[in-house]
Full PDB file with SEQRES, HELIX, SHEET, SSBOND, CRYST1, ORIGX, SCALE, CONECT and MASTER records, all heavy atoms in Angstrom:
SEQRES   1 A   34  ILE GLN VAL ASN VAL ALA LEU ASN TYR GLY SER LYS SER          
SEQRES   2 A   34  GLU ILE ILE ASN SER VAL LYS LEU ILE LYS LYS LYS LYS          
SEQRES   3 A   34  ILE THR ILE ASN GLU ALA ASN ILE                              
HELIX    1 AA1 SER A   11  LYS A   25  1                                  15    
CRYST1    1.000    1.000    1.000  90.00  90.00  90.00 P 1           1          
ORIGX1      1.000000  0.000000  0.000000        0.00000                         
ORIGX2      0.000000  1.000000  0.000000        0.00000                         
ORIGX3      0.000000  0.000000  1.000000        0.00000                         
SCALE1      1.000000  0.000000  0.000000        0.00000                         
SCALE2      0.000000  1.000000  0.000000        0.00000                         
SCALE3      0.000000  0.000000  1.000000        0.00000                         
ATOM      1  N   ILE A   1      11.631  38.952 114.945  1.00  0.00           N  
ATOM      2  CA  ILE A   1      12.629  39.498 115.781  1.00  0.00           C  
ATOM      3  C   ILE A   1      13.877  39.800 115.026  1.00  0.00           C  
ATOM      4  O   ILE A   1      14.323  39.171 114.180  1.00  0.00           O  
ATOM      5  CB  ILE A   1      13.011  38.592 117.045  1.00  0.00           C  
ATOM      6  CG1 ILE A   1      13.857  39.327 118.083  1.00  0.00           C  
ATOM      7  CG2 ILE A   1      13.674  37.300 116.530  1.00  0.00           C  
ATOM      8  CD1 ILE A   1      14.108  38.514 119.361  1.00  0.00           C  
ATOM      9  N   GLN A   2      14.546  40.885 115.480  1.00  0.00           N  
ATOM     10  CA  GLN A   2      15.880  41.185 114.817  1.00  0.00           C  
ATOM     11  C   GLN A   2      16.903  40.979 115.966  1.00  0.00           C  
ATOM     12  O   GLN A   2      16.918  41.649 117.080  1.00  0.00           O  
ATOM     13  CB  GLN A   2      15.864  42.725 114.506  1.00  0.00           C  
ATOM     14  CG  GLN A   2      17.333  43.130 113.994  1.00  0.00           C  
ATOM     15  CD  GLN A   2      17.300  44.440 113.304  1.00  0.00           C  
ATOM     16  OE1 GLN A   2      16.465  44.739 112.439  1.00  0.00           O  
ATOM     17  NE2 GLN A   2      18.201  45.384 113.784  1.00  0.00           N  
ATOM     18  N   VAL A   3      17.771  40.189 115.663  1.00  0.00           N  
ATOM     19  CA  VAL A   3      18.933  39.853 116.596  1.00  0.00           C  
ATOM     20  C   VAL A   3      20.144  40.542 116.097  1.00  0.00           C  
ATOM     21  O   VAL A   3      20.661  40.259 115.094  1.00  0.00           O  
ATOM     22  CB  VAL A   3      19.126  38.201 116.753  1.00  0.00           C  
ATOM     23  CG1 VAL A   3      20.401  37.961 117.585  1.00  0.00           C  
ATOM     24  CG2 VAL A   3      17.899  37.529 117.192  1.00  0.00           C  
ATOM     25  N   ASN A   4      20.591  41.495 116.994  1.00  0.00           N  
ATOM     26  CA  ASN A   4      21.877  42.244 116.631  1.00  0.00           C  
ATOM     27  C   ASN A   4      23.019  41.587 117.374  1.00  0.00           C  
ATOM     28  O   ASN A   4      23.058  41.422 118.562  1.00  0.00           O  
ATOM     29  CB  ASN A   4      21.722  43.676 117.225  1.00  0.00           C  
ATOM     30  CG  ASN A   4      20.337  44.257 116.686  1.00  0.00           C  
ATOM     31  OD1 ASN A   4      20.158  44.375 115.531  1.00  0.00           O  
ATOM     32  ND2 ASN A   4      19.621  44.851 117.623  1.00  0.00           N  
ATOM     33  N   VAL A   5      23.948  41.117 116.561  1.00  0.00           N  
ATOM     34  CA  VAL A   5      25.203  40.524 117.005  1.00  0.00           C  
ATOM     35  C   VAL A   5      26.258  41.478 117.147  1.00  0.00           C  
ATOM     36  O   VAL A   5      26.833  41.925 116.100  1.00  0.00           O  
ATOM     37  CB  VAL A   5      25.551  39.287 116.198  1.00  0.00           C  
ATOM     38  CG1 VAL A   5      26.777  38.572 116.722  1.00  0.00           C  
ATOM     39  CG2 VAL A   5      24.372  38.283 116.089  1.00  0.00           C  
ATOM     40  N   ALA A   6      26.662  41.991 118.305  1.00  0.00           N  
ATOM     41  CA  ALA A   6      27.665  42.915 118.490  1.00  0.00           C  
ATOM     42  C   ALA A   6      29.046  42.215 118.382  1.00  0.00           C  
ATOM     43  O   ALA A   6      29.399  41.471 119.274  1.00  0.00           O  
ATOM     44  CB  ALA A   6      27.523  43.588 119.869  1.00  0.00           C  
ATOM     45  N   LEU A   7      29.693  42.437 117.339  1.00  0.00           N  
ATOM     46  CA  LEU A   7      30.949  41.645 116.951  1.00  0.00           C  
ATOM     47  C   LEU A   7      32.152  42.628 116.661  1.00  0.00           C  
ATOM     48  O   LEU A   7      31.958  43.446 115.834  1.00  0.00           O  
ATOM     49  CB  LEU A   7      30.672  40.766 115.702  1.00  0.00           C  
ATOM     50  CG  LEU A   7      31.567  39.553 115.465  1.00  0.00           C  
ATOM     51  CD1 LEU A   7      31.659  38.581 116.627  1.00  0.00           C  
ATOM     52  CD2 LEU A   7      31.136  38.909 114.154  1.00  0.00           C  
ATOM     53  N   ASN A   8      33.147  42.395 117.414  1.00  0.00           N  
ATOM     54  CA  ASN A   8      34.257  43.390 117.383  1.00  0.00           C  
ATOM     55  C   ASN A   8      33.727  44.805 117.647  1.00  0.00           C  
ATOM     56  O   ASN A   8      33.943  45.754 116.841  1.00  0.00           O  
ATOM     57  CB  ASN A   8      35.107  43.393 115.946  1.00  0.00           C  
ATOM     58  CG  ASN A   8      36.323  44.112 116.162  1.00  0.00           C  
ATOM     59  OD1 ASN A   8      37.019  44.226 117.151  1.00  0.00           O  
ATOM     60  ND2 ASN A   8      36.850  44.664 115.056  1.00  0.00           N  
ATOM     61  N   TYR A   9      32.932  44.868 118.724  1.00  0.00           N  
ATOM     62  CA  TYR A   9      32.170  46.043 119.012  1.00  0.00           C  
ATOM     63  C   TYR A   9      32.716  46.745 120.267  1.00  0.00           C  
ATOM     64  O   TYR A   9      33.163  46.020 121.226  1.00  0.00           O  
ATOM     65  CB  TYR A   9      30.780  45.606 119.379  1.00  0.00           C  
ATOM     66  CG  TYR A   9      29.903  46.856 119.849  1.00  0.00           C  
ATOM     67  CD1 TYR A   9      29.190  47.705 118.957  1.00  0.00           C  
ATOM     68  CD2 TYR A   9      29.862  47.173 121.140  1.00  0.00           C  
ATOM     69  CE1 TYR A   9      28.509  48.762 119.315  1.00  0.00           C  
ATOM     70  CE2 TYR A   9      29.196  48.263 121.674  1.00  0.00           C  
ATOM     71  CZ  TYR A   9      28.458  49.038 120.747  1.00  0.00           C  
ATOM     72  OH  TYR A   9      27.779  50.111 121.219  1.00  0.00           O  
ATOM     73  N   GLY A  10      32.921  48.015 120.248  1.00  0.00           N  
ATOM     74  CA  GLY A  10      33.299  48.859 121.324  1.00  0.00           C  
ATOM     75  C   GLY A  10      32.522  50.145 121.216  1.00  0.00           C  
ATOM     76  O   GLY A  10      32.656  50.814 120.209  1.00  0.00           O  
ATOM     77  N   SER A  11      31.960  50.536 122.378  1.00  0.00           N  
ATOM     78  CA  SER A  11      31.011  51.653 122.264  1.00  0.00           C  
ATOM     79  C   SER A  11      31.803  52.999 122.110  1.00  0.00           C  
ATOM     80  O   SER A  11      31.339  53.944 121.428  1.00  0.00           O  
ATOM     81  CB  SER A  11      30.265  51.771 123.617  1.00  0.00           C  
ATOM     82  OG  SER A  11      29.266  52.741 123.480  1.00  0.00           O  
ATOM     83  N   LYS A  12      32.922  53.132 122.737  1.00  0.00           N  
ATOM     84  CA  LYS A  12      33.626  54.401 122.574  1.00  0.00           C  
ATOM     85  C   LYS A  12      34.028  54.651 121.146  1.00  0.00           C  
ATOM     86  O   LYS A  12      33.858  55.758 120.634  1.00  0.00           O  
ATOM     87  CB  LYS A  12      34.927  54.354 123.441  1.00  0.00           C  
ATOM     88  CG  LYS A  12      34.542  54.530 125.063  1.00  0.00           C  
ATOM     89  CD  LYS A  12      35.858  54.509 125.853  1.00  0.00           C  
ATOM     90  CE  LYS A  12      35.675  54.655 127.314  1.00  0.00           C  
ATOM     91  NZ  LYS A  12      36.792  54.615 128.162  1.00  0.00           N  
ATOM     92  N   SER A  13      34.599  53.693 120.450  1.00  0.00           N  
ATOM     93  CA  SER A  13      34.972  53.743 119.064  1.00  0.00           C  
ATOM     94  C   SER A  13      33.669  54.024 118.141  1.00  0.00           C  
ATOM     95  O   SER A  13      33.819  54.710 117.199  1.00  0.00           O  
ATOM     96  CB  SER A  13      35.776  52.601 118.623  1.00  0.00           C  
ATOM     97  OG  SER A  13      34.974  51.413 118.701  1.00  0.00           O  
ATOM     98  N   GLU A  14      32.509  53.369 118.498  1.00  0.00           N  
ATOM     99  CA  GLU A  14      31.305  53.565 117.809  1.00  0.00           C  
ATOM    100  C   GLU A  14      30.952  55.062 117.913  1.00  0.00           C  
ATOM    101  O   GLU A  14      30.518  55.702 116.950  1.00  0.00           O  
ATOM    102  CB  GLU A  14      30.190  52.798 118.452  1.00  0.00           C  
ATOM    103  CG  GLU A  14      28.811  52.984 117.853  1.00  0.00           C  
ATOM    104  CD  GLU A  14      27.668  52.244 118.554  1.00  0.00           C  
ATOM    105  OE1 GLU A  14      27.783  52.063 119.811  1.00  0.00           O  
ATOM    106  OE2 GLU A  14      26.730  51.919 117.862  1.00  0.00           O  
ATOM    107  N   ILE A  15      31.022  55.671 119.101  1.00  0.00           N  
ATOM    108  CA  ILE A  15      30.636  57.165 119.221  1.00  0.00           C  
ATOM    109  C   ILE A  15      31.552  57.982 118.397  1.00  0.00           C  
ATOM    110  O   ILE A  15      31.176  58.956 117.788  1.00  0.00           O  
ATOM    111  CB  ILE A  15      30.557  57.505 120.659  1.00  0.00           C  
ATOM    112  CG1 ILE A  15      29.456  56.649 121.397  1.00  0.00           C  
ATOM    113  CG2 ILE A  15      30.359  58.946 120.889  1.00  0.00           C  
ATOM    114  CD1 ILE A  15      29.500  56.781 122.907  1.00  0.00           C  
ATOM    115  N   ILE A  16      32.823  57.673 118.570  1.00  0.00           N  
ATOM    116  CA  ILE A  16      33.877  58.531 117.887  1.00  0.00           C  
ATOM    117  C   ILE A  16      33.651  58.413 116.264  1.00  0.00           C  
ATOM    118  O   ILE A  16      33.687  59.441 115.499  1.00  0.00           O  
ATOM    119  CB  ILE A  16      35.338  58.043 118.116  1.00  0.00           C  
ATOM    120  CG1 ILE A  16      35.780  58.385 119.475  1.00  0.00           C  
ATOM    121  CG2 ILE A  16      36.348  58.647 117.156  1.00  0.00           C  
ATOM    122  CD1 ILE A  16      36.926  57.739 120.166  1.00  0.00           C  
ATOM    123  N   ASN A  17      33.352  57.184 115.866  1.00  0.00           N  
ATOM    124  CA  ASN A  17      32.963  56.894 114.466  1.00  0.00           C  
ATOM    125  C   ASN A  17      31.811  57.663 113.944  1.00  0.00           C  
ATOM    126  O   ASN A  17      31.743  58.256 112.864  1.00  0.00           O  
ATOM    127  CB  ASN A  17      32.810  55.450 114.150  1.00  0.00           C  
ATOM    128  CG  ASN A  17      32.589  55.066 112.741  1.00  0.00           C  
ATOM    129  OD1 ASN A  17      33.291  55.320 111.909  1.00  0.00           O  
ATOM    130  ND2 ASN A  17      31.343  54.568 112.497  1.00  0.00           N  
ATOM    131  N   SER A  18      30.793  57.797 114.861  1.00  0.00           N  
ATOM    132  CA  SER A  18      29.553  58.511 114.527  1.00  0.00           C  
ATOM    133  C   SER A  18      29.843  59.989 114.302  1.00  0.00           C  
ATOM    134  O   SER A  18      29.389  60.665 113.363  1.00  0.00           O  
ATOM    135  CB  SER A  18      28.489  58.418 115.707  1.00  0.00           C  
ATOM    136  OG  SER A  18      27.346  59.122 115.376  1.00  0.00           O  
ATOM    137  N   VAL A  19      30.642  60.527 115.213  1.00  0.00           N  
ATOM    138  CA  VAL A  19      31.117  61.940 115.155  1.00  0.00           C  
ATOM    139  C   VAL A  19      31.892  62.302 113.816  1.00  0.00           C  
ATOM    140  O   VAL A  19      31.696  63.315 113.129  1.00  0.00           O  
ATOM    141  CB  VAL A  19      31.850  62.424 116.419  1.00  0.00           C  
ATOM    142  CG1 VAL A  19      32.304  63.867 116.144  1.00  0.00           C  
ATOM    143  CG2 VAL A  19      30.973  62.355 117.619  1.00  0.00           C  
ATOM    144  N   LYS A  20      32.778  61.397 113.550  1.00  0.00           N  
ATOM    145  CA  LYS A  20      33.553  61.507 112.294  1.00  0.00           C  
ATOM    146  C   LYS A  20      32.691  61.496 111.064  1.00  0.00           C  
ATOM    147  O   LYS A  20      32.863  62.266 110.055  1.00  0.00           O  
ATOM    148  CB  LYS A  20      34.613  60.356 112.145  1.00  0.00           C  
ATOM    149  CG  LYS A  20      35.820  60.512 113.061  1.00  0.00           C  
ATOM    150  CD  LYS A  20      36.729  59.321 112.858  1.00  0.00           C  
ATOM    151  CE  LYS A  20      37.965  59.495 113.771  1.00  0.00           C  
ATOM    152  NZ  LYS A  20      38.843  58.268 113.605  1.00  0.00           N  
ATOM    153  N   LEU A  21      31.569  60.604 111.058  1.00  0.00           N  
ATOM    154  CA  LEU A  21      30.714  60.496 109.888  1.00  0.00           C  
ATOM    155  C   LEU A  21      29.882  61.847 109.784  1.00  0.00           C  
ATOM    156  O   LEU A  21      29.708  62.362 108.674  1.00  0.00           O  
ATOM    157  CB  LEU A  21      29.746  59.360 110.108  1.00  0.00           C  
ATOM    158  CG  LEU A  21      30.307  58.032 109.868  1.00  0.00           C  
ATOM    159  CD1 LEU A  21      29.248  56.911 110.277  1.00  0.00           C  
ATOM    160  CD2 LEU A  21      30.694  57.785 108.416  1.00  0.00           C  
ATOM    161  N   ILE A  22      29.470  62.309 110.991  1.00  0.00           N  
ATOM    162  CA  ILE A  22      28.800  63.680 111.011  1.00  0.00           C  
ATOM    163  C   ILE A  22      29.641  64.798 110.373  1.00  0.00           C  
ATOM    164  O   ILE A  22      29.161  65.625 109.616  1.00  0.00           O  
ATOM    165  CB  ILE A  22      28.381  63.996 112.348  1.00  0.00           C  
ATOM    166  CG1 ILE A  22      27.240  63.088 112.902  1.00  0.00           C  
ATOM    167  CG2 ILE A  22      27.754  65.408 112.497  1.00  0.00           C  
ATOM    168  CD1 ILE A  22      27.002  63.076 114.302  1.00  0.00           C  
ATOM    169  N   LYS A  23      30.875  64.788 110.752  1.00  0.00           N  
ATOM    170  CA  LYS A  23      31.716  65.818 110.255  1.00  0.00           C  
ATOM    171  C   LYS A  23      32.030  65.724 108.781  1.00  0.00           C  
ATOM    172  O   LYS A  23      31.957  66.672 108.026  1.00  0.00           O  
ATOM    173  CB  LYS A  23      33.151  65.812 110.976  1.00  0.00           C  
ATOM    174  CG  LYS A  23      33.011  66.236 112.434  1.00  0.00           C  
ATOM    175  CD  LYS A  23      34.368  66.322 113.093  1.00  0.00           C  
ATOM    176  CE  LYS A  23      35.202  67.430 112.628  1.00  0.00           C  
ATOM    177  NZ  LYS A  23      36.435  67.557 113.383  1.00  0.00           N  
ATOM    178  N   LYS A  24      32.136  64.456 108.334  1.00  0.00           N  
ATOM    179  CA  LYS A  24      32.260  64.180 106.871  1.00  0.00           C  
ATOM    180  C   LYS A  24      31.053  64.605 106.047  1.00  0.00           C  
ATOM    181  O   LYS A  24      31.243  65.069 104.893  1.00  0.00           O  
ATOM    182  CB  LYS A  24      32.509  62.649 106.593  1.00  0.00           C  
ATOM    183  CG  LYS A  24      32.886  62.252 105.323  1.00  0.00           C  
ATOM    184  CD  LYS A  24      33.198  60.799 105.258  1.00  0.00           C  
ATOM    185  CE  LYS A  24      33.620  60.304 103.783  1.00  0.00           C  
ATOM    186  NZ  LYS A  24      33.924  59.003 103.721  1.00  0.00           N  
ATOM    187  N   LYS A  25      29.902  64.425 106.620  1.00  0.00           N  
ATOM    188  CA  LYS A  25      28.589  64.795 105.992  1.00  0.00           C  
ATOM    189  C   LYS A  25      28.365  66.211 106.122  1.00  0.00           C  
ATOM    190  O   LYS A  25      27.437  66.763 105.561  1.00  0.00           O  
ATOM    191  CB  LYS A  25      27.428  64.052 106.647  1.00  0.00           C  
ATOM    192  CG  LYS A  25      27.432  62.501 106.350  1.00  0.00           C  
ATOM    193  CD  LYS A  25      26.410  61.836 107.100  1.00  0.00           C  
ATOM    194  CE  LYS A  25      26.476  60.370 106.897  1.00  0.00           C  
ATOM    195  NZ  LYS A  25      25.379  59.613 107.758  1.00  0.00           N  
ATOM    196  N   LYS A  26      29.147  66.908 106.949  1.00  0.00           N  
ATOM    197  CA  LYS A  26      29.006  68.447 107.142  1.00  0.00           C  
ATOM    198  C   LYS A  26      27.634  68.846 107.682  1.00  0.00           C  
ATOM    199  O   LYS A  26      26.987  69.671 107.218  1.00  0.00           O  
ATOM    200  CB  LYS A  26      29.360  69.188 105.952  1.00  0.00           C  
ATOM    201  CG  LYS A  26      30.847  68.985 105.421  1.00  0.00           C  
ATOM    202  CD  LYS A  26      31.157  69.743 104.205  1.00  0.00           C  
ATOM    203  CE  LYS A  26      32.594  69.556 103.775  1.00  0.00           C  
ATOM    204  NZ  LYS A  26      32.911  70.295 102.528  1.00  0.00           N  
ATOM    205  N   ILE A  27      27.250  67.987 108.728  1.00  0.00           N  
ATOM    206  CA  ILE A  27      25.939  68.297 109.271  1.00  0.00           C  
ATOM    207  C   ILE A  27      26.208  68.635 110.827  1.00  0.00           C  
ATOM    208  O   ILE A  27      27.306  68.494 111.324  1.00  0.00           O  
ATOM    209  CB  ILE A  27      24.938  67.109 109.217  1.00  0.00           C  
ATOM    210  CG1 ILE A  27      25.452  65.784 109.811  1.00  0.00           C  
ATOM    211  CG2 ILE A  27      24.488  66.977 107.714  1.00  0.00           C  
ATOM    212  CD1 ILE A  27      24.602  64.642 109.685  1.00  0.00           C  
ATOM    213  N   THR A  28      25.155  69.160 111.503  1.00  0.00           N  
ATOM    214  CA  THR A  28      25.335  69.539 112.908  1.00  0.00           C  
ATOM    215  C   THR A  28      25.615  68.430 113.752  1.00  0.00           C  
ATOM    216  O   THR A  28      25.011  67.413 113.683  1.00  0.00           O  
ATOM    217  CB  THR A  28      24.001  70.303 113.358  1.00  0.00           C  
ATOM    218  OG1 THR A  28      23.737  71.310 112.459  1.00  0.00           O  
ATOM    219  CG2 THR A  28      24.197  70.939 114.717  1.00  0.00           C  
ATOM    220  N   ILE A  29      26.602  68.605 114.709  1.00  0.00           N  
ATOM    221  CA  ILE A  29      26.745  67.616 115.703  1.00  0.00           C  
ATOM    222  C   ILE A  29      25.812  67.778 116.858  1.00  0.00           C  
ATOM    223  O   ILE A  29      25.825  68.783 117.560  1.00  0.00           O  
ATOM    224  CB  ILE A  29      28.209  67.648 116.295  1.00  0.00           C  
ATOM    225  CG1 ILE A  29      29.224  67.446 115.315  1.00  0.00           C  
ATOM    226  CG2 ILE A  29      28.432  66.701 117.450  1.00  0.00           C  
ATOM    227  CD1 ILE A  29      30.653  67.635 115.626  1.00  0.00           C  
ATOM    228  N   ASN A  30      24.740  66.977 116.868  1.00  0.00           N  
ATOM    229  CA  ASN A  30      23.709  66.941 117.942  1.00  0.00           C  
ATOM    230  C   ASN A  30      23.365  65.528 118.287  1.00  0.00           C  
ATOM    231  O   ASN A  30      23.715  64.586 117.685  1.00  0.00           O  
ATOM    232  CB  ASN A  30      22.584  67.897 117.543  1.00  0.00           C  
ATOM    233  CG  ASN A  30      21.906  67.416 116.285  1.00  0.00           C  
ATOM    234  OD1 ASN A  30      21.832  66.179 115.972  1.00  0.00           O  
ATOM    235  ND2 ASN A  30      21.314  68.382 115.605  1.00  0.00           N  
ATOM    236  N   GLU A  31      22.487  65.363 119.239  1.00  0.00           N  
ATOM    237  CA  GLU A  31      22.021  64.039 119.793  1.00  0.00           C  
ATOM    238  C   GLU A  31      21.439  63.265 118.687  1.00  0.00           C  
ATOM    239  O   GLU A  31      21.703  62.113 118.387  1.00  0.00           O  
ATOM    240  CB  GLU A  31      21.020  64.260 120.999  1.00  0.00           C  
ATOM    241  CG  GLU A  31      20.864  62.931 121.762  1.00  0.00           C  
ATOM    242  CD  GLU A  31      19.996  63.108 122.976  1.00  0.00           C  
ATOM    243  OE1 GLU A  31      20.232  64.135 123.756  1.00  0.00           O  
ATOM    244  OE2 GLU A  31      19.159  62.342 123.243  1.00  0.00           O  
ATOM    245  N   ALA A  32      20.529  63.856 117.982  1.00  0.00           N  
ATOM    246  CA  ALA A  32      19.755  63.122 116.796  1.00  0.00           C  
ATOM    247  C   ALA A  32      20.737  62.674 115.778  1.00  0.00           C  
ATOM    248  O   ALA A  32      20.610  61.469 115.361  1.00  0.00           O  
ATOM    249  CB  ALA A  32      18.693  64.019 116.270  1.00  0.00           C  
ATOM    250  N   ASN A  33      21.714  63.418 115.340  1.00  0.00           N  
ATOM    251  CA  ASN A  33      22.618  63.051 114.368  1.00  0.00           C  
ATOM    252  C   ASN A  33      23.644  62.018 114.869  1.00  0.00           C  
ATOM    253  O   ASN A  33      24.148  61.101 114.059  1.00  0.00           O  
ATOM    254  CB  ASN A  33      23.401  64.278 113.739  1.00  0.00           C  
ATOM    255  CG  ASN A  33      22.451  65.028 112.830  1.00  0.00           C  
ATOM    256  OD1 ASN A  33      21.469  64.540 112.168  1.00  0.00           O  
ATOM    257  ND2 ASN A  33      22.636  66.268 112.791  1.00  0.00           N  
ATOM    258  N   ILE A  34      24.046  62.033 116.134  1.00  0.00           N  
ATOM    259  CA  ILE A  34      24.925  61.066 116.701  1.00  0.00           C  
ATOM    260  C   ILE A  34      24.126  59.689 116.642  1.00  0.00           C  
ATOM    261  O   ILE A  34      24.612  58.646 116.301  1.00  0.00           O  
ATOM    262  CB  ILE A  34      25.441  61.344 118.050  1.00  0.00           C  
ATOM    263  CG1 ILE A  34      26.411  62.514 118.043  1.00  0.00           C  
ATOM    264  CG2 ILE A  34      25.953  60.140 118.810  1.00  0.00           C  
ATOM    265  CD1 ILE A  34      26.770  63.069 119.355  1.00  0.00           C  
TER     266      ILE A  34                                                      
MASTER        0    0    0    1    0    0    0    6  265    1    0    3          
END                                                                             
């Protein structure tokens, strides 16, 4: 089993961080890449 420990976790900042990474990688912002 994989136990994921959500620590100092916030979903809104996670989503924002994902979009920032996508822009940094210069790839398309879509559901799969998020």
